[in-house]
PDB file of all heavy atoms in Angstrom:
ATOM      1  N   ILE A   1       7.768  19.093  -2.807  1.00  0.00           N
ATOM      2  CA  ILE A   1       7.503  19.761  -1.528  1.00  0.00           C
ATOM      3  C   ILE A   1       7.391  21.273  -1.722  1.00  0.00           C
ATOM      4  O   ILE A   1       6.533  21.936  -1.123  1.00  0.00           O
ATOM      5  CB  ILE A   1       8.615  19.424  -0.509  1.00  0.00           C
ATOM      6  CG1 ILE A   1       8.557  17.937  -0.133  1.00  0.00           C
ATOM      7  CG2 ILE A   1       8.501  20.297   0.738  1.00  0.00           C
ATOM      8  CD1 ILE A   1       9.719  17.465   0.723  1.00  0.00           C
ATOM      9  N   ARG A   2       8.243  21.796  -2.590  1.00  0.00           N
ATOM     10  CA  ARG A   2       8.289  23.247  -2.813  1.00  0.00           C
ATOM     11  C   ARG A   2       6.959  23.804  -3.291  1.00  0.00           C
ATOM     12  O   ARG A   2       6.562  24.919  -2.939  1.00  0.00           O
ATOM     13  CB  ARG A   2       9.389  23.562  -3.842  1.00  0.00           C
ATOM     14  CG  ARG A   2       9.677  25.036  -4.013  1.00  0.00           C
ATOM     15  CD  ARG A   2      10.759  25.287  -5.043  1.00  0.00           C
ATOM     16  NE  ARG A   2      11.092  26.695  -5.098  1.00  0.00           N
ATOM     17  CZ  ARG A   2      11.706  27.278  -6.119  1.00  0.00           C
ATOM     18  NH1 ARG A   2      12.052  26.571  -7.168  1.00  0.00           N
ATOM     19  NH2 ARG A   2      11.973  28.572  -6.095  1.00  0.00           N
ATOM     20  N   ILE A   3       6.234  23.011  -4.100  1.00  0.00           N
ATOM     21  CA  ILE A   3       4.959  23.506  -4.635  1.00  0.00           C
ATOM     22  C   ILE A   3       3.751  22.794  -4.005  1.00  0.00           C
ATOM     23  O   ILE A   3       2.632  22.921  -4.502  1.00  0.00           O
ATOM     24  CB  ILE A   3       4.914  23.345  -6.172  1.00  0.00           C
ATOM     25  CG1 ILE A   3       5.044  21.878  -6.571  1.00  0.00           C
ATOM     26  CG2 ILE A   3       5.961  24.209  -6.839  1.00  0.00           C
ATOM     27  CD1 ILE A   3       4.789  21.618  -8.046  1.00  0.00           C
ATOM     28  N   ASP A   4       3.991  22.067  -2.898  1.00  0.00           N
ATOM     29  CA  ASP A   4       2.912  21.339  -2.208  1.00  0.00           C
ATOM     30  C   ASP A   4       2.126  20.445  -3.168  1.00  0.00           C
ATOM     31  O   ASP A   4       0.885  20.402  -3.132  1.00  0.00           O
ATOM     32  CB  ASP A   4       1.942  22.325  -1.524  1.00  0.00           C
ATOM     33  CG  ASP A   4       2.607  23.077  -0.380  1.00  0.00           C
ATOM     34  OD1 ASP A   4       3.471  22.486   0.277  1.00  0.00           O
ATOM     35  OD2 ASP A   4       2.266  24.255  -0.180  1.00  0.00           O
ATOM     36  N   LEU A   5       2.845  19.720  -4.008  1.00  0.00           N
ATOM     37  CA  LEU A   5       2.187  18.901  -5.023  1.00  0.00           C
ATOM     38  C   LEU A   5       1.453  17.715  -4.397  1.00  0.00           C
ATOM     39  O   LEU A   5       0.319  17.415  -4.763  1.00  0.00           O
ATOM     40  CB  LEU A   5       3.216  18.397  -6.038  1.00  0.00           C
ATOM     41  CG  LEU A   5       2.663  17.616  -7.227  1.00  0.00           C
ATOM     42  CD1 LEU A   5       1.775  18.514  -8.083  1.00  0.00           C
ATOM     43  CD2 LEU A   5       3.807  17.037  -8.068  1.00  0.00           C
ATOM     44  N   LEU A   6       2.115  17.050  -3.440  1.00  0.00           N
ATOM     45  CA  LEU A   6       1.539  15.912  -2.738  1.00  0.00           C
ATOM     46  C   LEU A   6       1.658  16.143  -1.236  1.00  0.00           C
ATOM     47  O   LEU A   6       2.153  17.192  -0.807  1.00  0.00           O
ATOM     48  CB  LEU A   6       2.257  14.620  -3.152  1.00  0.00           C
ATOM     49  CG  LEU A   6       2.213  14.254  -4.645  1.00  0.00           C
ATOM     50  CD1 LEU A   6       3.033  13.007  -4.905  1.00  0.00           C
ATOM     51  CD2 LEU A   6       0.783  14.060  -5.121  1.00  0.00           C
ATOM     52  N   ASN A   7       1.227  15.157  -0.438  1.00  0.00           N
ATOM     53  CA  ASN A   7       1.301  15.283   1.021  1.00  0.00           C
ATOM     54  C   ASN A   7       2.734  15.556   1.453  1.00  0.00           C
ATOM     55  O   ASN A   7       3.640  14.731   1.230  1.00  0.00           O
ATOM     56  CB  ASN A   7       0.795  13.988   1.660  1.00  0.00           C
ATOM     57  CG  ASN A   7       0.749  14.086   3.165  1.00  0.00           C
ATOM     58  OD1 ASN A   7       1.777  14.029   3.833  1.00  0.00           O
ATOM     59  ND2 ASN A   7      -0.441  14.210   3.710  1.00  0.00           N
ATOM     60  N   VAL A   8       2.965  16.702   2.062  1.00  0.00           N
ATOM     61  CA  VAL A   8       4.325  17.148   2.366  1.00  0.00           C
ATOM     62  C   VAL A   8       5.008  16.234   3.388  1.00  0.00           C
ATOM     63  O   VAL A   8       6.197  15.919   3.256  1.00  0.00           O
ATOM     64  CB  VAL A   8       4.308  18.610   2.873  1.00  0.00           C
ATOM     65  CG1 VAL A   8       5.692  19.020   3.385  1.00  0.00           C
ATOM     66  CG2 VAL A   8       3.869  19.545   1.758  1.00  0.00           C
ATOM     67  N   LYS A   9       4.266  15.790   4.401  1.00  0.00           N
ATOM     68  CA  LYS A   9       4.859  14.916   5.414  1.00  0.00           C
ATOM     69  C   LYS A   9       5.294  13.584   4.806  1.00  0.00           C
ATOM     70  O   LYS A   9       6.369  13.054   5.120  1.00  0.00           O
ATOM     71  CB  LYS A   9       3.880  14.674   6.561  1.00  0.00           C
ATOM     72  CG  LYS A   9       3.644  15.905   7.425  1.00  0.00           C
ATOM     73  CD  LYS A   9       2.676  15.607   8.552  1.00  0.00           C
ATOM     74  CE  LYS A   9       2.455  16.844   9.421  1.00  0.00           C
ATOM     75  NZ  LYS A   9       1.473  16.590  10.506  1.00  0.00           N
ATOM     76  N   ALA A  10       4.454  13.041   3.921  1.00  0.00           N
ATOM     77  CA  ALA A  10       4.792  11.777   3.264  1.00  0.00           C
ATOM     78  C   ALA A  10       5.997  11.956   2.338  1.00  0.00           C
ATOM     79  O   ALA A  10       6.855  11.071   2.240  1.00  0.00           O
ATOM     80  CB  ALA A  10       3.593  11.243   2.480  1.00  0.00           C
ATOM     81  N   LEU A  11       6.062  13.091   1.664  1.00  0.00           N
ATOM     82  CA  LEU A  11       7.214  13.372   0.804  1.00  0.00           C
ATOM     83  C   LEU A  11       8.493  13.513   1.629  1.00  0.00           C
ATOM     84  O   LEU A  11       9.555  13.015   1.238  1.00  0.00           O
ATOM     85  CB  LEU A  11       6.977  14.653   0.000  1.00  0.00           C
ATOM     86  CG  LEU A  11       5.994  14.554  -1.167  1.00  0.00           C
ATOM     87  CD1 LEU A  11       5.667  15.947  -1.705  1.00  0.00           C
ATOM     88  CD2 LEU A  11       6.555  13.679  -2.289  1.00  0.00           C
ATOM     89  N   ALA A  12       8.387  14.188   2.768  1.00  0.00           N
ATOM     90  CA  ALA A  12       9.554  14.363   3.641  1.00  0.00           C
ATOM     91  C   ALA A  12      10.049  13.012   4.150  1.00  0.00           C
ATOM     92  O   ALA A  12      11.270  12.765   4.200  1.00  0.00           O
ATOM     93  CB  ALA A  12       9.200  15.276   4.808  1.00  0.00           C
ATOM     94  N   TYR A  13       9.113  12.140   4.507  1.00  0.00           N
ATOM     95  CA  TYR A  13       9.500  10.789   4.951  1.00  0.00           C
ATOM     96  C   TYR A  13      10.178  10.023   3.818  1.00  0.00           C
ATOM     97  O   TYR A  13      11.202   9.363   4.011  1.00  0.00           O
ATOM     98  CB  TYR A  13       8.282  10.013   5.433  1.00  0.00           C
ATOM     99  CG  TYR A  13       8.625   8.616   5.879  1.00  0.00           C
ATOM    100  CD1 TYR A  13       9.185   8.374   7.129  1.00  0.00           C
ATOM    101  CD2 TYR A  13       8.430   7.527   5.027  1.00  0.00           C
ATOM    102  CE1 TYR A  13       9.535   7.093   7.528  1.00  0.00           C
ATOM    103  CE2 TYR A  13       8.775   6.250   5.418  1.00  0.00           C
ATOM    104  CZ  TYR A  13       9.330   6.035   6.673  1.00  0.00           C
ATOM    105  OH  TYR A  13       9.681   4.760   7.055  1.00  0.00           O
ATOM    106  N   ASN A  14       9.627  10.120   2.618  1.00  0.00           N
ATOM    107  CA  ASN A  14      10.203   9.449   1.450  1.00  0.00           C
ATOM    108  C   ASN A  14      11.607   9.958   1.164  1.00  0.00           C
ATOM    109  O   ASN A  14      12.503   9.175   0.803  1.00  0.00           O
ATOM    110  CB  ASN A  14       9.299   9.681   0.239  1.00  0.00           C
ATOM    111  CG  ASN A  14       9.716   8.885  -0.969  1.00  0.00           C
ATOM    112  OD1 ASN A  14      10.523   9.352  -1.763  1.00  0.00           O
ATOM    113  ND2 ASN A  14       9.161   7.705  -1.124  1.00  0.00           N
ATOM    114  N   LEU A  15      11.796  11.265   1.337  1.00  0.00           N
ATOM    115  CA  LEU A  15      13.100  11.883   1.108  1.00  0.00           C
ATOM    116  C   LEU A  15      14.173  11.298   2.029  1.00  0.00           C
ATOM    117  O   LEU A  15      15.343  11.178   1.657  1.00  0.00           O
ATOM    118  CB  LEU A  15      12.987  13.399   1.333  1.00  0.00           C
ATOM    119  CG  LEU A  15      14.198  14.276   1.006  1.00  0.00           C
ATOM    120  CD1 LEU A  15      14.531  14.205  -0.477  1.00  0.00           C
ATOM    121  CD2 LEU A  15      13.932  15.715   1.423  1.00  0.00           C
ATOM    122  N   LEU A  16      13.770  10.921   3.238  1.00  0.00           N
ATOM    123  CA  LEU A  16      14.687  10.299   4.198  1.00  0.00           C
ATOM    124  C   LEU A  16      14.796   8.790   3.968  1.00  0.00           C
ATOM    125  O   LEU A  16      15.897   8.229   3.967  1.00  0.00           O
ATOM    126  CB  LEU A  16      14.191  10.558   5.625  1.00  0.00           C
ATOM    127  CG  LEU A  16      14.921   9.803   6.747  1.00  0.00           C
ATOM    128  CD1 LEU A  16      16.363  10.290   6.856  1.00  0.00           C
ATOM    129  CD2 LEU A  16      14.190   9.976   8.064  1.00  0.00           C
ATOM    130  N   ALA A  17      13.653   8.130   3.751  1.00  0.00           N
ATOM    131  CA  ALA A  17      13.622   6.665   3.731  1.00  0.00           C
ATOM    132  C   ALA A  17      14.327   6.054   2.523  1.00  0.00           C
ATOM    133  O   ALA A  17      15.021   5.034   2.655  1.00  0.00           O
ATOM    134  CB  ALA A  17      12.173   6.185   3.778  1.00  0.00           C
ATOM    135  N   VAL A  18      14.180   6.646   1.355  1.00  0.00           N
ATOM    136  CA  VAL A  18      14.773   6.053   0.149  1.00  0.00           C
ATOM    137  C   VAL A  18      16.303   6.010   0.219  1.00  0.00           C
ATOM    138  O   VAL A  18      16.900   4.953  -0.035  1.00  0.00           O
ATOM    139  CB  VAL A  18      14.273   6.776  -1.126  1.00  0.00           C
ATOM    140  CG1 VAL A  18      15.076   6.336  -2.344  1.00  0.00           C
ATOM    141  CG2 VAL A  18      12.794   6.489  -1.351  1.00  0.00           C
ATOM    142  N   PRO A  19      16.995   7.103   0.597  1.00  0.00           N
ATOM    143  CA  PRO A  19      18.454   6.990   0.738  1.00  0.00           C
ATOM    144  C   PRO A  19      18.875   5.993   1.821  1.00  0.00           C
ATOM    145  O   PRO A  19      19.891   5.308   1.672  1.00  0.00           O
ATOM    146  CB  PRO A  19      18.883   8.418   1.124  1.00  0.00           C
ATOM    147  CG  PRO A  19      17.800   9.287   0.638  1.00  0.00           C
ATOM    148  CD  PRO A  19      16.544   8.496   0.777  1.00  0.00           C
ATOM    149  N   VAL A  20      18.089   5.893   2.899  1.00  0.00           N
ATOM    150  CA  VAL A  20      18.410   4.951   3.976  1.00  0.00           C
ATOM    151  C   VAL A  20      18.337   3.518   3.469  1.00  0.00           C
ATOM    152  O   VAL A  20      19.228   2.702   3.722  1.00  0.00           O
ATOM    153  CB  VAL A  20      17.483   5.148   5.193  1.00  0.00           C
ATOM    154  CG1 VAL A  20      17.638   4.003   6.181  1.00  0.00           C
ATOM    155  CG2 VAL A  20      17.783   6.468   5.885  1.00  0.00           C
ATOM    156  N   VAL A  21      17.282   3.190   2.716  1.00  0.00           N
ATOM    157  CA  VAL A  21      17.159   1.816   2.214  1.00  0.00           C
ATOM    158  C   VAL A  21      18.269   1.515   1.210  1.00  0.00           C
ATOM    159  O   VAL A  21      18.799   0.396   1.175  1.00  0.00           O
ATOM    160  CB  VAL A  21      15.757   1.561   1.601  1.00  0.00           C
ATOM    161  CG1 VAL A  21      15.600   2.174   0.224  1.00  0.00           C
ATOM    162  CG2 VAL A  21      15.483   0.068   1.525  1.00  0.00           C
ATOM    163  N   TYR A  22      18.660   2.500   0.411  1.00  0.00           N
ATOM    164  CA  TYR A  22      19.781   2.298  -0.519  1.00  0.00           C
ATOM    165  C   TYR A  22      21.060   1.977   0.246  1.00  0.00           C
ATOM    166  O   TYR A  22      21.793   1.040  -0.101  1.00  0.00           O
ATOM    167  CB  TYR A  22      19.988   3.548  -1.381  1.00  0.00           C
ATOM    168  CG  TYR A  22      19.323   3.472  -2.730  1.00  0.00           C
ATOM    169  CD1 TYR A  22      17.947   3.643  -2.861  1.00  0.00           C
ATOM    170  CD2 TYR A  22      20.054   3.234  -3.884  1.00  0.00           C
ATOM    171  CE1 TYR A  22      17.325   3.575  -4.096  1.00  0.00           C
ATOM    172  CE2 TYR A  22      19.451   3.163  -5.119  1.00  0.00           C
ATOM    173  CZ  TYR A  22      18.086   3.339  -5.229  1.00  0.00           C
ATOM    174  OH  TYR A  22      17.476   3.250  -6.456  1.00  0.00           O
ATOM    175  N   LEU A  23      21.345   2.756   1.284  1.00  0.00           N
ATOM    176  CA  LEU A  23      22.556   2.547   2.077  1.00  0.00           C
ATOM    177  C   LEU A  23      22.566   1.160   2.718  1.00  0.00           C
ATOM    178  O   LEU A  23      23.570   0.432   2.647  1.00  0.00           O
ATOM    179  CB  LEU A  23      22.659   3.634   3.151  1.00  0.00           C
ATOM    180  CG  LEU A  23      23.834   3.506   4.138  1.00  0.00           C
ATOM    181  CD1 LEU A  23      25.158   3.597   3.399  1.00  0.00           C
ATOM    182  CD2 LEU A  23      23.739   4.576   5.210  1.00  0.00           C
ATOM    183  N   LEU A  24      21.460   0.798   3.343  1.00  0.00           N
ATOM    184  CA  LEU A  24      21.384  -0.501   4.025  1.00  0.00           C
ATOM    185  C   LEU A  24      21.496  -1.660   3.043  1.00  0.00           C
ATOM    186  O   LEU A  24      22.171  -2.662   3.318  1.00  0.00           O
ATOM    187  CB  LEU A  24      20.085  -0.602   4.812  1.00  0.00           C
ATOM    188  CG  LEU A  24      19.967   0.294   6.048  1.00  0.00           C
ATOM    189  CD1 LEU A  24      18.598   0.159   6.682  1.00  0.00           C
ATOM    190  CD2 LEU A  24      21.050  -0.032   7.067  1.00  0.00           C
ATOM    191  N   VAL A  25      20.851  -1.549   1.890  1.00  0.00           N
ATOM    192  CA  VAL A  25      20.897  -2.634   0.903  1.00  0.00           C
ATOM    193  C   VAL A  25      22.294  -2.771   0.304  1.00  0.00           C
ATOM    194  O   VAL A  25      22.758  -3.884   0.052  1.00  0.00           O
ATOM    195  CB  VAL A  25      19.829  -2.413  -0.195  1.00  0.00           C
ATOM    196  CG1 VAL A  25      20.035  -3.379  -1.355  1.00  0.00           C
ATOM    197  CG2 VAL A  25      18.442  -2.591   0.394  1.00  0.00           C
ATOM    198  N   ILE A  26      22.972  -1.657   0.084  1.00  0.00           N
ATOM    199  CA  ILE A  26      24.355  -1.712  -0.396  1.00  0.00           C
ATOM    200  C   ILE A  26      25.222  -2.489   0.583  1.00  0.00           C
ATOM    201  O   ILE A  26      26.013  -3.359   0.201  1.00  0.00           O
ATOM    202  CB  ILE A  26      24.909  -0.291  -0.620  1.00  0.00           C
ATOM    203  CG1 ILE A  26      24.319   0.314  -1.905  1.00  0.00           C
ATOM    204  CG2 ILE A  26      26.439  -0.304  -0.709  1.00  0.00           C
ATOM    205  CD1 ILE A  26      24.642   1.778  -2.098  1.00  0.00           C
ATOM    206  N   ILE A  27      25.076  -2.200   1.876  1.00  0.00           N
ATOM    207  CA  ILE A  27      25.854  -2.904   2.902  1.00  0.00           C
ATOM    208  C   ILE A  27      25.435  -4.366   2.975  1.00  0.00           C
ATOM    209  O   ILE A  27      26.273  -5.269   3.002  1.00  0.00           O
ATOM    210  CB  ILE A  27      25.669  -2.227   4.274  1.00  0.00           C
ATOM    211  CG1 ILE A  27      26.259  -0.809   4.252  1.00  0.00           C
ATOM    212  CG2 ILE A  27      26.336  -3.049   5.375  1.00  0.00           C
ATOM    213  CD1 ILE A  27      25.915   0.016   5.467  1.00  0.00           C
ATOM    214  N   GLN A  28      24.121  -4.613   2.977  1.00  0.00           N
ATOM    215  CA  GLN A  28      23.602  -5.972   3.113  1.00  0.00           C
ATOM    216  C   GLN A  28      24.067  -6.880   1.977  1.00  0.00           C
ATOM    217  O   GLN A  28      24.486  -8.016   2.192  1.00  0.00           O
ATOM    218  CB  GLN A  28      22.077  -5.930   3.145  1.00  0.00           C
ATOM    219  CG  GLN A  28      21.394  -7.293   3.103  1.00  0.00           C
ATOM    220  CD  GLN A  28      20.120  -7.270   2.282  1.00  0.00           C
ATOM    221  OE1 GLN A  28      19.433  -6.261   2.205  1.00  0.00           O
ATOM    222  NE2 GLN A  28      19.816  -8.382   1.649  1.00  0.00           N
ATOM    223  N   ARG A  29      24.021  -6.380   0.755  1.00  0.00           N
ATOM    224  CA  ARG A  29      24.331  -7.217  -0.411  1.00  0.00           C
ATOM    225  C   ARG A  29      25.823  -7.326  -0.709  1.00  0.00           C
ATOM    226  O   ARG A  29      26.274  -8.324  -1.268  1.00  0.00           O
ATOM    227  CB  ARG A  29      23.626  -6.655  -1.658  1.00  0.00           C
ATOM    228  CG  ARG A  29      22.126  -6.820  -1.657  1.00  0.00           C
ATOM    229  CD  ARG A  29      21.543  -6.245  -2.937  1.00  0.00           C
ATOM    230  NE  ARG A  29      20.085  -6.374  -2.974  1.00  0.00           N
ATOM    231  CZ  ARG A  29      19.325  -5.806  -3.902  1.00  0.00           C
ATOM    232  NH1 ARG A  29      19.872  -5.086  -4.865  1.00  0.00           N
ATOM    233  NH2 ARG A  29      18.006  -5.970  -3.877  1.00  0.00           N
ATOM    234  N   ASN A  30      26.578  -6.297  -0.364  1.00  0.00           N
ATOM    235  CA  ASN A  30      27.945  -6.209  -0.896  1.00  0.00           C
ATOM    236  C   ASN A  30      29.050  -6.139   0.149  1.00  0.00           C
ATOM    237  O   ASN A  30      30.216  -5.955  -0.200  1.00  0.00           O
ATOM    238  CB  ASN A  30      28.050  -4.969  -1.802  1.00  0.00           C
ATOM    239  CG  ASN A  30      26.999  -4.963  -2.883  1.00  0.00           C
ATOM    240  OD1 ASN A  30      26.922  -5.868  -3.691  1.00  0.00           O
ATOM    241  ND2 ASN A  30      26.159  -3.930  -2.896  1.00  0.00           N
ATOM    242  N   GLU A  31      28.706  -6.288   1.415  1.00  0.00           N
ATOM    243  CA  GLU A  31      29.679  -6.090   2.496  1.00  0.00           C
ATOM    244  C   GLU A  31      30.925  -6.959   2.326  1.00  0.00           C
ATOM    245  O   GLU A  31      32.046  -6.507   2.564  1.00  0.00           O
ATOM    246  CB  GLU A  31      29.017  -6.388   3.834  1.00  0.00           C
ATOM    247  CG  GLU A  31      29.865  -6.009   5.027  1.00  0.00           C
ATOM    248  CD  GLU A  31      29.130  -6.240   6.334  1.00  0.00           C
ATOM    249  OE1 GLU A  31      28.024  -6.817   6.321  1.00  0.00           O
ATOM    250  OE2 GLU A  31      29.674  -5.835   7.376  1.00  0.00           O
ATOM    251  N   ASN A  32      30.766  -8.211   1.917  1.00  0.00           N
ATOM    252  CA  ASN A  32      31.902  -9.126   1.843  1.00  0.00           C
ATOM    253  C   ASN A  32      32.372  -9.390   0.418  1.00  0.00           C
ATOM    254  O   ASN A  32      33.209 -10.257   0.192  1.00  0.00           O
ATOM    255  CB  ASN A  32      31.528 -10.462   2.507  1.00  0.00           C
ATOM    256  CG  ASN A  32      31.236 -10.284   3.983  1.00  0.00           C
ATOM    257  OD1 ASN A  32      31.956  -9.571   4.672  1.00  0.00           O
ATOM    258  ND2 ASN A  32      30.171 -10.913   4.468  1.00  0.00           N
ATOM    259  N   ARG A  33      31.845  -8.653  -0.545  1.00  0.00           N
ATOM    260  CA  ARG A  33      32.271  -8.851  -1.932  1.00  0.00           C
ATOM    261  C   ARG A  33      33.549  -8.078  -2.211  1.00  0.00           C
ATOM    262  O   ARG A  33      33.744  -6.979  -1.693  1.00  0.00           O
ATOM    263  CB  ARG A  33      31.167  -8.392  -2.891  1.00  0.00           C
ATOM    264  CG  ARG A  33      29.923  -9.261  -2.851  1.00  0.00           C
ATOM    265  CD  ARG A  33      28.927  -8.808  -3.894  1.00  0.00           C
ATOM    266  NE  ARG A  33      27.725  -9.616  -3.871  1.00  0.00           N
ATOM    267  CZ  ARG A  33      26.690  -9.420  -4.688  1.00  0.00           C
ATOM    268  NH1 ARG A  33      26.720  -8.465  -5.576  1.00  0.00           N
ATOM    269  NH2 ARG A  33      25.619 -10.207  -4.602  1.00  0.00           N
ATOM    270  N   PRO A  34      34.429  -8.629  -3.046  1.00  0.00           N
ATOM    271  CA  PRO A  34      35.662  -7.901  -3.398  1.00  0.00           C
ATOM    272  C   PRO A  34      35.328  -6.609  -4.140  1.00  0.00           C
ATOM    273  O   PRO A  34      34.366  -6.560  -4.919  1.00  0.00           O
ATOM    274  CB  PRO A  34      36.403  -8.887  -4.308  1.00  0.00           C
ATOM    275  CG  PRO A  34      35.362  -9.840  -4.791  1.00  0.00           C
ATOM    276  CD  PRO A  34      34.351  -9.947  -3.704  1.00  0.00           C
ATOM    277  N   SER A  35      36.113  -5.582  -3.893  1.00  0.00           N
ATOM    278  CA  SER A  35      35.849  -4.276  -4.488  1.00  0.00           C
ATOM    279  C   SER A  35      37.155  -3.549  -4.765  1.00  0.00           C
ATOM    280  O   SER A  35      38.141  -3.734  -4.047  1.00  0.00           O
ATOM    281  CB  SER A  35      34.968  -3.444  -3.539  1.00  0.00           C
ATOM    282  OG  SER A  35      34.855  -2.114  -3.984  1.00  0.00           O
ATOM    283  N   ASP A  36      37.162  -2.701  -5.802  1.00  0.00           N
ATOM    284  CA  ASP A  36      38.332  -1.865  -6.072  1.00  0.00           C
ATOM    285  C   ASP A  36      38.196  -0.516  -5.358  1.00  0.00           C
ATOM    286  O   ASP A  36      38.979   0.397  -5.576  1.00  0.00           O
ATOM    287  CB  ASP A  36      38.534  -1.663  -7.576  1.00  0.00           C
ATOM    288  CG  ASP A  36      37.306  -1.053  -8.256  1.00  0.00           C
ATOM    289  OD1 ASP A  36      36.522  -0.359  -7.584  1.00  0.00           O
ATOM    290  OD2 ASP A  36      37.127  -1.276  -9.466  1.00  0.00           O
ATOM    291  N   TRP A  37      37.173  -0.424  -4.496  1.00  0.00           N
ATOM    292  CA  TRP A  37      36.960   0.799  -3.710  1.00  0.00           C
ATOM    293  C   TRP A  37      36.616   0.383  -2.294  1.00  0.00           C
ATOM    294  O   TRP A  37      36.998  -0.700  -1.849  1.00  0.00           O
ATOM    295  CB  TRP A  37      35.850   1.640  -4.366  1.00  0.00           C
ATOM    296  CG  TRP A  37      35.813   3.059  -3.897  1.00  0.00           C
ATOM    297  CD1 TRP A  37      36.825   3.952  -3.917  1.00  0.00           C
ATOM    298  CD2 TRP A  37      34.682   3.737  -3.345  1.00  0.00           C
ATOM    299  NE1 TRP A  37      36.407   5.160  -3.400  1.00  0.00           N
ATOM    300  CE2 TRP A  37      35.092   5.048  -3.051  1.00  0.00           C
ATOM    301  CE3 TRP A  37      33.365   3.366  -3.076  1.00  0.00           C
ATOM    302  CZ2 TRP A  37      34.239   5.994  -2.488  1.00  0.00           C
ATOM    303  CZ3 TRP A  37      32.510   4.302  -2.526  1.00  0.00           C
ATOM    304  CH2 TRP A  37      32.955   5.609  -2.241  1.00  0.00           C
TER     305      TRP A  37
END
């Protein structure tokens, strides 16, 4: 984004969407699994 390498709006969306999908998938897959944390 800093150097306008690719479409800035698409990059901004990707910057938000990828962490969101990680968070949701972590909850979806592991919510009821035993954990030491």
